[in-house]
Amino acid sequence: MNRLAPVRRRPPATSRDAFPGRKRLPSTALARVLPLVALAACSHHAPLPVSDGPATKVATAVAHEESLPVLYRASGTVRGSNTTVLTSKTVGYVRSVRVHAGDQVTAGQALVDLEANDVRAQVSRARAALDQSNEGKIEAEGGVSSARAAAKIAKLSYDRATQLLKDGAIPQQQFDDAEARWHAAEAQERMAEARLRSLGSSIDGARAALGEASATLGYAGIVAPFAGRILERRVDPGALATPGMPLLVIGDEGVLRVEAVVEESHADAMKVGDEAQIEIEKPSIDLASSGLRTKASKPIVGKISEIGPNVDVASRALLVKIDLPPQAGAFRPGTFARVGFRVGSVGRLVVPTSAVQSFGALDRVYVVDATHVRLRMITHGEAFGPSTEILSGLSPNERVVVDIPSGLRDGASVEVPQ
């Protein structure tokens, strides 16, 4: 006997069955959506319970519009105000390098020694030539003195012969001999003086040759042109140095500056002497996560010291240099920096920075509503001194609590001093 198959009742259609193309949200996604829905509900001024407890005295300020600067932000690099590549001016093997990268040096400190035996030989030859010229000068000075004495005696003899010839005491031949001796003595005196002058010129030439050889020998010792830090060491002992070969890179860290690349379209809004807002990132190791993180320094106000005259053909940008104040702090050259240039101004809604309270990823303020406060979620922009820009969540002329007291809650009763 055949039995009838049991009839299965189909369950009633659910919302998922009624709309087969719609996917059901997982529970985790729903959990993330619900707080957002609640936050959206809070953004509307829905009536909330208020507290009738004792009133808390609070200080307030009015949200108002201010003319705030419009900042153009560019990336930059911290550099020393003076960075120099030390090169060789002569040929020679590197005998020793006395510094390493990172060493602090003083002005005039010896850094690199080169072998220069041939130059030392030139110095010795030039010094010997100078000594020889000095000795010849001494001899020539004696010759000039002797020639002058001989010329003086010859002149006296000539004068006597002239008088005796007038008196008829001597023949004409004896007078002619005295006159010839006098002229010969004068010629010898002139020759001695010319030789002395020639030796003087030789001494000047020998001194110049000695100075040139000594200067060339000085090229064998590379010294620091100013006080600073060795940034790079590009040579080791034993290498052959040639003229123009880079040996060391030294930077003056006494005064730092930031070099930023600025788009050509914003260059006309800047001029030398304008202030710029600088944030310099300091990398550090997070021990909790065993990772590297960066933390920006407090904004530093620098001044534009130089604006590059040329625009790079590839990037259509130019280089702008901003001097950091001496009290800016110790930063390593090469550190990344963000630079904000003021390129205009615009009216923005602001409140005191102390009125903005951060709660996780959310920012909020307390708005005074008659005798109570209401918690309001806001979106804020940048901070400009004591004021913070409000992008959304507040309207002009609304009163907010500043220096928020500890324990203040939404709906709390407050007292605003007059």
Protein backbone atom coordinates (compact mmCIF):
# COMPACT_ATOMS: atom_id res chain seq x y z
CA MET A 1 0.00 0.00 0.00
CA ASN A 2 1.49 3.33 -1.05
CA ARG A 3 1.77 5.98 1.59
CA LEU A 4 1.35 9.61 0.78
CA ALA A 5 4.44 11.70 1.25
CA PRO A 6 4.11 14.13 4.10
CA VAL A 7 3.30 17.63 3.03
CA ARG A 8 5.97 20.16 4.11
CA ARG A 9 4.70 23.59 4.90
CA ARG A 10 6.78 26.43 3.48
CA PRO A 11 7.76 28.95 6.11
CA PRO A 12 6.47 32.46 5.65
CA ALA A 13 8.57 34.72 3.45
CA THR A 14 11.08 36.86 5.29
CA SER A 15 12.49 40.14 4.22
CA ARG A 16 15.49 38.29 2.84
CA ASP A 17 13.26 35.94 0.79
CA ALA A 18 11.11 38.80 -0.44
CA PHE A 19 14.20 40.56 -1.80
CA PRO A 20 16.50 37.81 -2.98
CA GLY A 21 18.99 40.28 -4.54
CA ARG A 22 19.67 42.03 -1.20
CA LYS A 23 22.42 40.69 1.03
CA ARG A 24 22.02 40.49 4.73
CA LEU A 25 24.44 42.56 6.78
CA PRO A 26 26.72 40.55 9.01
CA SER A 27 26.47 41.14 12.71
CA THR A 28 29.90 42.81 12.88
CA ALA A 29 28.99 45.35 10.19
CA LEU A 30 25.70 46.02 11.93
CA ALA A 31 27.58 46.67 15.13
CA ARG A 32 29.67 49.28 13.39
CA VAL A 33 26.69 50.96 11.74
CA LEU A 34 24.59 51.36 14.89
CA PRO A 35 26.93 53.85 16.63
CA LEU A 36 27.01 55.93 13.45
CA VAL A 37 23.21 55.97 13.36
CA ALA A 38 23.17 57.03 16.98
CA LEU A 39 25.72 59.75 16.24
CA ALA A 40 23.61 61.00 13.34
CA ALA A 41 20.62 61.13 15.63
CA CYS A 42 22.67 63.16 18.13
CA SER A 43 23.68 65.62 15.42
CA HIS A 44 20.02 66.65 15.13
CA HIS A 45 18.91 68.71 18.02
CA ALA A 46 16.75 66.03 19.54
CA PRO A 47 15.47 66.74 23.04
CA LEU A 48 17.73 65.17 25.65
CA PRO A 49 17.25 64.86 29.38
CA VAL A 50 18.74 67.63 31.45
CA SER A 51 20.23 67.56 34.91
CA ASP A 52 18.64 69.52 37.73
CA GLY A 53 21.71 69.15 39.97
CA PRO A 54 23.89 71.99 41.21
CA ALA A 55 25.05 74.33 38.45
CA THR A 56 28.68 74.21 37.37
CA LYS A 57 30.41 77.53 36.79
CA VAL A 58 31.91 77.59 33.32
CA ALA A 59 33.69 80.10 31.11
CA THR A 60 32.32 80.56 27.62
CA ALA A 61 33.18 82.09 24.29
CA VAL A 62 31.17 82.87 21.20
CA ALA A 63 31.81 81.14 17.89
CA HIS A 64 32.61 83.89 15.42
CA GLU A 65 34.21 84.46 12.07
CA GLU A 66 37.82 85.59 11.73
CA SER A 67 40.03 86.28 8.77
CA LEU A 68 42.36 83.28 8.73
CA PRO A 69 45.34 82.73 6.47
CA VAL A 70 45.07 80.34 3.56
CA LEU A 71 48.09 78.04 3.72
CA TYR A 72 49.77 76.33 0.80
CA ARG A 73 51.64 73.28 2.07
CA ALA A 74 54.82 71.93 0.53
CA SER A 75 57.35 69.27 1.47
CA GLY A 76 60.81 70.34 2.52
CA THR A 77 64.12 69.14 3.90
CA VAL A 78 66.14 70.44 6.84
CA ARG A 79 69.64 71.52 5.80
CA GLY A 80 72.52 73.49 7.24
CA SER A 81 72.78 77.11 6.20
CA ASN A 82 76.15 76.34 4.63
CA THR A 83 77.07 72.95 3.18
CA THR A 84 80.44 72.59 1.45
CA VAL A 85 82.11 69.77 -0.45
CA LEU A 86 85.86 69.75 0.32
CA THR A 87 87.90 68.74 -2.73
CA SER A 88 91.58 68.22 -3.52
CA LYS A 89 93.50 70.94 -5.38
CA THR A 90 96.57 68.83 -6.05
CA VAL A 91 97.58 65.30 -6.98
CA GLY A 92 98.69 62.98 -4.22
CA TYR A 93 97.91 59.84 -2.31
CA VAL A 94 95.74 60.22 0.78
CA ARG A 95 98.00 59.70 3.76
CA SER A 96 95.37 59.96 6.51
CA VAL A 97 91.76 61.00 7.14
CA ARG A 98 91.39 62.34 10.66
CA VAL A 99 87.58 62.50 10.92
CA HIS A 100 84.53 60.33 10.36
CA ALA A 101 80.95 61.12 9.34
CA GLY A 102 79.11 62.75 12.23
CA ASP A 103 82.19 64.29 13.88
CA GLN A 104 82.03 67.89 15.05
CA VAL A 105 84.91 70.02 13.79
CA THR A 106 86.17 73.53 14.43
CA ALA A 107 87.32 76.13 11.92
CA GLY A 108 90.89 75.43 10.78
CA GLN A 109 90.97 71.87 12.11
CA ALA A 110 93.10 69.47 10.00
CA LEU A 111 90.90 66.89 8.30
CA VAL A 112 92.84 65.13 5.50
CA ASP A 113 96.60 64.80 4.81
CA LEU A 114 97.92 64.15 1.29
CA GLU A 115 101.41 63.05 0.24
CA ALA A 116 103.17 65.84 -1.68
CA ASN A 117 106.87 64.96 -1.85
CA ASP A 118 107.35 66.72 -5.20
CA VAL A 119 105.80 69.90 -3.86
CA ARG A 120 108.04 69.76 -0.79
CA ALA A 121 111.01 69.54 -3.14
CA GLN A 122 109.76 72.63 -4.98
CA VAL A 123 109.53 74.47 -1.68
CA SER A 124 113.14 73.52 -0.87
CA ARG A 125 114.37 74.71 -4.29
CA ALA A 126 112.46 77.97 -3.99
CA ARG A 127 113.86 78.59 -0.50
CA ALA A 128 117.42 77.87 -1.70
CA ALA A 129 116.97 80.27 -4.62
CA LEU A 130 115.75 82.95 -2.24
CA ASP A 131 118.74 82.45 0.05
CA GLN A 132 121.10 82.66 -2.93
CA SER A 133 119.47 85.88 -4.10
CA ASN A 134 119.76 87.39 -0.63
CA GLU A 135 123.46 86.56 -0.49
CA GLY A 136 123.98 88.03 -3.95
CA LYS A 137 122.24 91.18 -2.83
CA ILE A 138 124.64 91.56 0.06
CA GLU A 139 127.58 91.16 -2.33
CA ALA A 140 126.05 93.64 -4.76
CA GLU A 141 125.51 96.19 -2.04
CA GLY A 142 129.23 95.94 -1.19
CA GLY A 143 130.11 96.35 -4.86
CA VAL A 144 127.95 99.48 -5.07
CA SER A 145 129.69 100.98 -2.03
CA SER A 146 133.15 100.23 -3.51
CA ALA A 147 132.20 101.66 -6.90
CA ARG A 148 130.84 104.83 -5.34
CA ALA A 149 134.08 105.32 -3.38
CA ALA A 150 136.19 104.76 -6.49
CA ALA A 151 134.03 107.18 -8.47
CA LYS A 152 134.41 109.80 -5.73
CA ILE A 153 138.20 109.52 -5.74
CA ALA A 154 138.30 109.63 -9.53
CA LYS A 155 136.17 112.80 -9.48
CA LEU A 156 138.54 114.51 -7.00
CA SER A 157 141.53 113.57 -9.15
CA TYR A 158 139.77 114.97 -12.21
CA ASP A 159 139.00 118.23 -10.42
CA ARG A 160 142.67 118.68 -9.38
CA ALA A 161 143.87 117.85 -12.86
CA THR A 162 141.53 120.45 -14.27
CA GLN A 163 143.01 123.15 -12.02
CA LEU A 164 146.58 122.09 -12.70
CA LEU A 165 145.96 122.12 -16.43
CA LYS A 166 144.74 125.71 -16.18
CA ASP A 167 147.92 126.64 -14.29
CA GLY A 168 150.08 124.85 -16.90
CA ALA A 169 151.46 122.51 -14.24
CA ILE A 170 150.57 119.25 -16.04
CA PRO A 171 150.49 118.25 -19.65
CA GLN A 172 147.25 117.59 -21.55
CA GLN A 173 147.85 113.82 -21.54
CA GLN A 174 147.84 113.61 -17.76
CA PHE A 175 144.55 115.55 -17.67
CA ASP A 176 143.00 113.22 -20.23
CA ASP A 177 144.00 110.19 -18.15
CA ALA A 178 142.34 111.64 -15.01
CA GLU A 179 139.18 112.40 -16.97
CA ALA A 180 139.04 108.85 -18.37
CA ARG A 181 139.50 107.31 -14.93
CA TRP A 182 136.65 109.45 -13.60
CA HIS A 183 134.25 108.37 -16.38
CA ALA A 184 135.24 104.71 -15.93
CA ALA A 185 134.56 104.91 -12.19
CA GLU A 186 131.13 106.41 -12.82
CA ALA A 187 130.32 103.58 -15.26
CA GLN A 188 131.39 100.99 -12.69
CA GLU A 189 129.12 102.66 -10.12
CA ARG A 190 126.15 102.51 -12.49
CA MET A 191 126.86 98.85 -13.27
CA ALA A 192 127.02 97.99 -9.56
CA GLU A 193 123.71 99.77 -8.91
CA ALA A 194 122.07 97.95 -11.86
CA ARG A 195 123.28 94.60 -10.55
CA LEU A 196 121.85 95.46 -7.13
CA ARG A 197 118.50 96.30 -8.69
CA SER A 198 118.56 93.04 -10.68
CA LEU A 199 119.21 91.03 -7.55
CA GLY A 200 116.29 92.82 -5.88
CA SER A 201 114.01 91.63 -8.68
CA SER A 202 115.47 88.12 -8.33
CA ILE A 203 114.65 88.19 -4.64
CA ASP A 204 111.06 89.20 -5.39
CA GLY A 205 110.78 86.35 -7.91
CA ALA A 206 112.30 83.86 -5.46
CA ARG A 207 109.84 84.98 -2.77
CA ALA A 208 106.92 84.59 -5.16
CA ALA A 209 108.11 81.12 -6.17
CA LEU A 210 108.48 80.15 -2.52
CA GLY A 211 104.99 81.47 -1.76
CA GLU A 212 103.52 79.54 -4.68
CA ALA A 213 105.24 76.32 -3.66
CA SER A 214 104.22 76.80 -0.03
CA ALA A 215 100.60 77.40 -1.07
CA THR A 216 100.66 74.27 -3.19
CA LEU A 217 102.10 72.39 -0.25
CA GLY A 218 99.26 73.76 1.84
CA TYR A 219 96.83 72.05 -0.52
CA ALA A 220 98.15 68.75 0.80
CA GLY A 221 96.50 69.49 4.14
CA ILE A 222 92.70 69.85 4.00
CA VAL A 223 91.31 71.92 6.88
CA ALA A 224 87.76 72.81 7.96
CA PRO A 225 86.68 76.16 6.47
CA PHE A 226 84.20 76.70 9.32
CA ALA A 227 82.88 75.01 12.43
CA GLY A 228 80.32 72.32 11.73
CA ARG A 229 79.72 68.60 11.35
CA ILE A 230 81.14 66.10 8.86
CA LEU A 231 78.16 64.91 6.84
CA GLU A 232 79.94 62.54 4.44
CA ARG A 233 83.36 60.91 4.20
CA ARG A 234 84.05 60.01 0.58
CA VAL A 235 87.72 58.98 0.69
CA ASP A 236 89.94 56.59 2.66
CA PRO A 237 93.72 56.44 3.18
CA GLY A 238 95.60 55.10 0.18
CA ALA A 239 93.31 56.57 -2.47
CA LEU A 240 94.83 58.81 -5.15
CA ALA A 241 93.42 62.31 -4.87
CA THR A 242 93.21 64.41 -8.01
CA PRO A 243 92.23 68.08 -8.46
CA GLY A 244 88.48 68.46 -7.99
CA MET A 245 88.00 65.07 -6.34
CA PRO A 246 85.45 65.25 -3.46
CA LEU A 247 86.95 64.21 -0.13
CA LEU A 248 84.52 65.31 2.61
CA VAL A 249 81.16 67.06 2.95
CA ILE A 250 80.87 69.49 5.88
CA GLY A 251 77.76 71.31 7.02
CA ASP A 252 77.31 74.31 9.27
CA GLU A 253 74.66 73.30 11.80
CA GLY A 254 74.79 76.52 13.77
CA VAL A 255 71.95 77.96 11.70
CA LEU A 256 69.51 75.56 10.06
CA ARG A 257 67.05 76.17 7.28
CA VAL A 258 64.39 74.29 5.37
CA GLU A 259 64.50 73.97 1.60
CA ALA A 260 61.06 73.42 0.06
CA VAL A 261 59.94 72.88 -3.52
CA VAL A 262 57.06 75.25 -4.35
CA GLU A 263 54.78 75.09 -7.37
CA GLU A 264 55.22 77.90 -9.85
CA SER A 265 51.58 78.98 -9.50
CA HIS A 266 52.09 79.92 -5.83
CA ALA A 267 55.46 81.61 -6.15
CA ASP A 268 54.03 85.08 -6.85
CA ALA A 269 52.27 85.07 -3.45
CA MET A 270 55.61 84.80 -1.60
CA LYS A 271 58.43 87.22 -1.02
CA VAL A 272 61.65 87.30 0.96
CA GLY A 273 60.97 88.08 4.62
CA ASP A 274 57.53 86.44 4.75
CA GLU A 275 56.86 84.04 7.61
CA ALA A 276 56.22 80.34 7.04
CA GLN A 277 54.85 77.68 9.38
CA ILE A 278 57.13 74.64 9.65
CA GLU A 279 56.50 71.21 11.16
CA ILE A 280 59.49 68.88 11.37
CA GLU A 281 58.95 65.16 11.83
CA LYS A 282 61.01 63.27 14.39
CA PRO A 283 61.06 59.49 13.90
CA SER A 284 61.02 57.35 17.05
CA ILE A 285 60.63 53.70 17.95
CA ASP A 286 57.35 52.62 19.53
CA LEU A 287 58.34 49.98 22.09
CA ALA A 288 54.76 48.78 22.48
CA SER A 289 54.34 47.90 18.81
CA SER A 290 58.06 47.47 18.05
CA GLY A 291 57.64 49.74 15.05
CA LEU A 292 58.84 53.07 13.77
CA ARG A 293 56.60 56.08 14.09
CA THR A 294 57.00 59.75 13.36
CA LYS A 295 55.90 62.65 15.49
CA ALA A 296 55.71 66.18 14.15
CA SER A 297 57.27 68.96 16.20
CA LYS A 298 55.30 71.95 17.38
CA PRO A 299 54.83 74.45 14.55
CA ILE A 300 57.90 76.65 14.12
CA VAL A 301 57.73 80.06 12.51
CA GLY A 302 60.55 80.70 10.05
CA LYS A 303 61.27 83.44 7.53
CA ILE A 304 61.80 83.10 3.81
CA SER A 305 65.42 84.01 3.10
CA GLU A 306 65.72 83.08 -0.56
CA ILE A 307 63.42 82.34 -3.49
CA GLY A 308 65.00 80.55 -6.43
CA PRO A 309 64.93 82.63 -9.62
CA ASN A 310 64.69 79.63 -11.96
CA VAL A 311 61.78 77.22 -12.43
CA ASP A 312 62.64 73.57 -12.91
CA VAL A 313 61.58 72.50 -16.40
CA ALA A 314 60.50 68.99 -15.34
CA SER A 315 58.55 69.76 -12.16
CA ARG A 316 57.50 73.38 -12.92
CA ALA A 317 58.55 74.26 -9.37
CA LEU A 318 61.20 76.40 -7.73
CA LEU A 319 63.28 76.16 -4.56
CA VAL A 320 62.42 78.31 -1.54
CA LYS A 321 64.71 78.52 1.51
CA ILE A 322 63.32 79.30 4.98
CA ASP A 323 65.61 80.16 7.90
CA LEU A 324 64.79 78.52 11.22
CA PRO A 325 65.07 80.58 14.40
CA PRO A 326 68.05 79.74 16.68
CA GLN A 327 65.70 78.44 19.39
CA ALA A 328 63.97 76.02 17.01
CA GLY A 329 65.79 73.03 18.50
CA ALA A 330 68.31 70.44 17.35
CA PHE A 331 67.29 68.77 14.11
CA ARG A 332 69.36 66.54 11.88
CA PRO A 333 70.04 67.80 8.36
CA GLY A 334 68.06 65.75 5.89
CA THR A 335 64.98 65.48 8.14
CA PHE A 336 61.61 65.73 6.42
CA ALA A 337 59.59 68.89 7.07
CA ARG A 338 56.20 70.29 6.09
CA VAL A 339 56.05 73.98 5.28
CA GLY A 340 52.91 76.12 5.21
CA PHE A 341 53.11 79.32 3.16
CA ARG A 342 50.47 82.01 3.52
CA VAL A 343 49.03 82.69 0.07
CA GLY A 344 45.90 84.64 1.07
CA SER A 345 43.20 84.97 3.73
CA VAL A 346 39.53 84.06 4.06
CA GLY A 347 36.82 84.40 6.74
CA ARG A 348 36.36 81.21 8.78
CA LEU A 349 34.29 80.21 11.80
CA VAL A 350 36.55 79.81 14.86
CA VAL A 351 36.35 79.01 18.56
CA PRO A 352 39.05 79.00 21.23
CA THR A 353 41.19 75.88 20.98
CA SER A 354 40.45 75.07 24.64
CA ALA A 355 36.78 74.62 23.72
CA VAL A 356 37.49 71.62 21.47
CA GLN A 357 37.67 68.27 23.19
CA SER A 358 38.88 65.10 21.46
CA PHE A 359 37.29 61.79 22.32
CA GLY A 360 38.96 59.02 20.41
CA ALA A 361 38.53 59.78 16.72
CA LEU A 362 35.72 62.26 17.45
CA ASP A 363 35.90 65.95 18.30
CA ARG A 364 33.23 67.73 20.28
CA VAL A 365 32.30 70.94 22.05
CA TYR A 366 29.80 71.86 24.74
CA VAL A 367 27.25 74.40 23.56
CA VAL A 368 25.48 76.49 26.19
CA ASP A 369 21.68 76.25 25.82
CA ALA A 370 20.12 78.65 28.31
CA THR A 371 21.14 77.16 31.67
CA HIS A 372 22.35 73.81 30.39
CA VAL A 373 25.03 72.52 28.04
CA ARG A 374 24.59 70.27 25.03
CA LEU A 375 27.29 68.00 23.67
CA ARG A 376 27.87 68.72 20.00
CA MET A 377 30.01 66.69 17.59
CA ILE A 378 32.04 68.93 15.28
CA THR A 379 34.62 68.76 12.54
CA HIS A 380 37.51 71.15 13.04
CA GLY A 381 40.22 72.36 10.73
CA GLU A 382 43.63 73.77 11.56
CA ALA A 383 44.65 75.62 14.69
CA PHE A 384 45.85 79.20 14.25
CA GLY A 385 47.37 80.35 17.51
CA PRO A 386 44.73 80.28 20.27
CA SER A 387 41.86 79.69 17.82
CA THR A 388 40.72 76.59 15.94
CA GLU A 389 38.81 76.57 12.69
CA ILE A 390 35.38 74.88 12.76
CA LEU A 391 34.34 73.21 9.52
CA SER A 392 30.96 71.81 10.57
CA GLY A 393 28.77 71.27 13.63
CA LEU A 394 28.53 74.88 14.86
CA SER A 395 26.88 78.07 13.74
CA PRO A 396 28.04 81.65 14.26
CA ASN A 397 27.13 83.32 17.58
CA GLU A 398 26.65 80.02 19.42
CA ARG A 399 28.25 80.04 22.85
CA VAL A 400 30.64 77.22 23.76
CA VAL A 401 32.36 76.23 26.99
CA VAL A 402 36.12 76.93 27.16
CA ASP A 403 38.57 75.26 29.53
CA ILE A 404 36.06 72.43 29.92
CA PRO A 405 35.74 71.43 33.60
CA SER A 406 36.40 67.83 34.50
CA GLY A 407 33.25 65.76 34.77
CA LEU A 408 31.07 68.03 32.61
CA ARG A 409 28.34 65.98 30.94
CA ASP A 410 25.73 66.50 28.27
CA GLY A 411 22.65 68.19 29.73
CA ALA A 412 24.46 69.39 32.86
CA SER A 413 23.23 72.55 34.54
CA VAL A 414 25.76 75.38 34.23
CA GLU A 415 26.20 78.91 35.49
CA VAL A 416 27.84 81.43 33.21
CA PRO A 417 29.44 84.33 35.08
CA GLN A 418 28.38 87.70 33.79
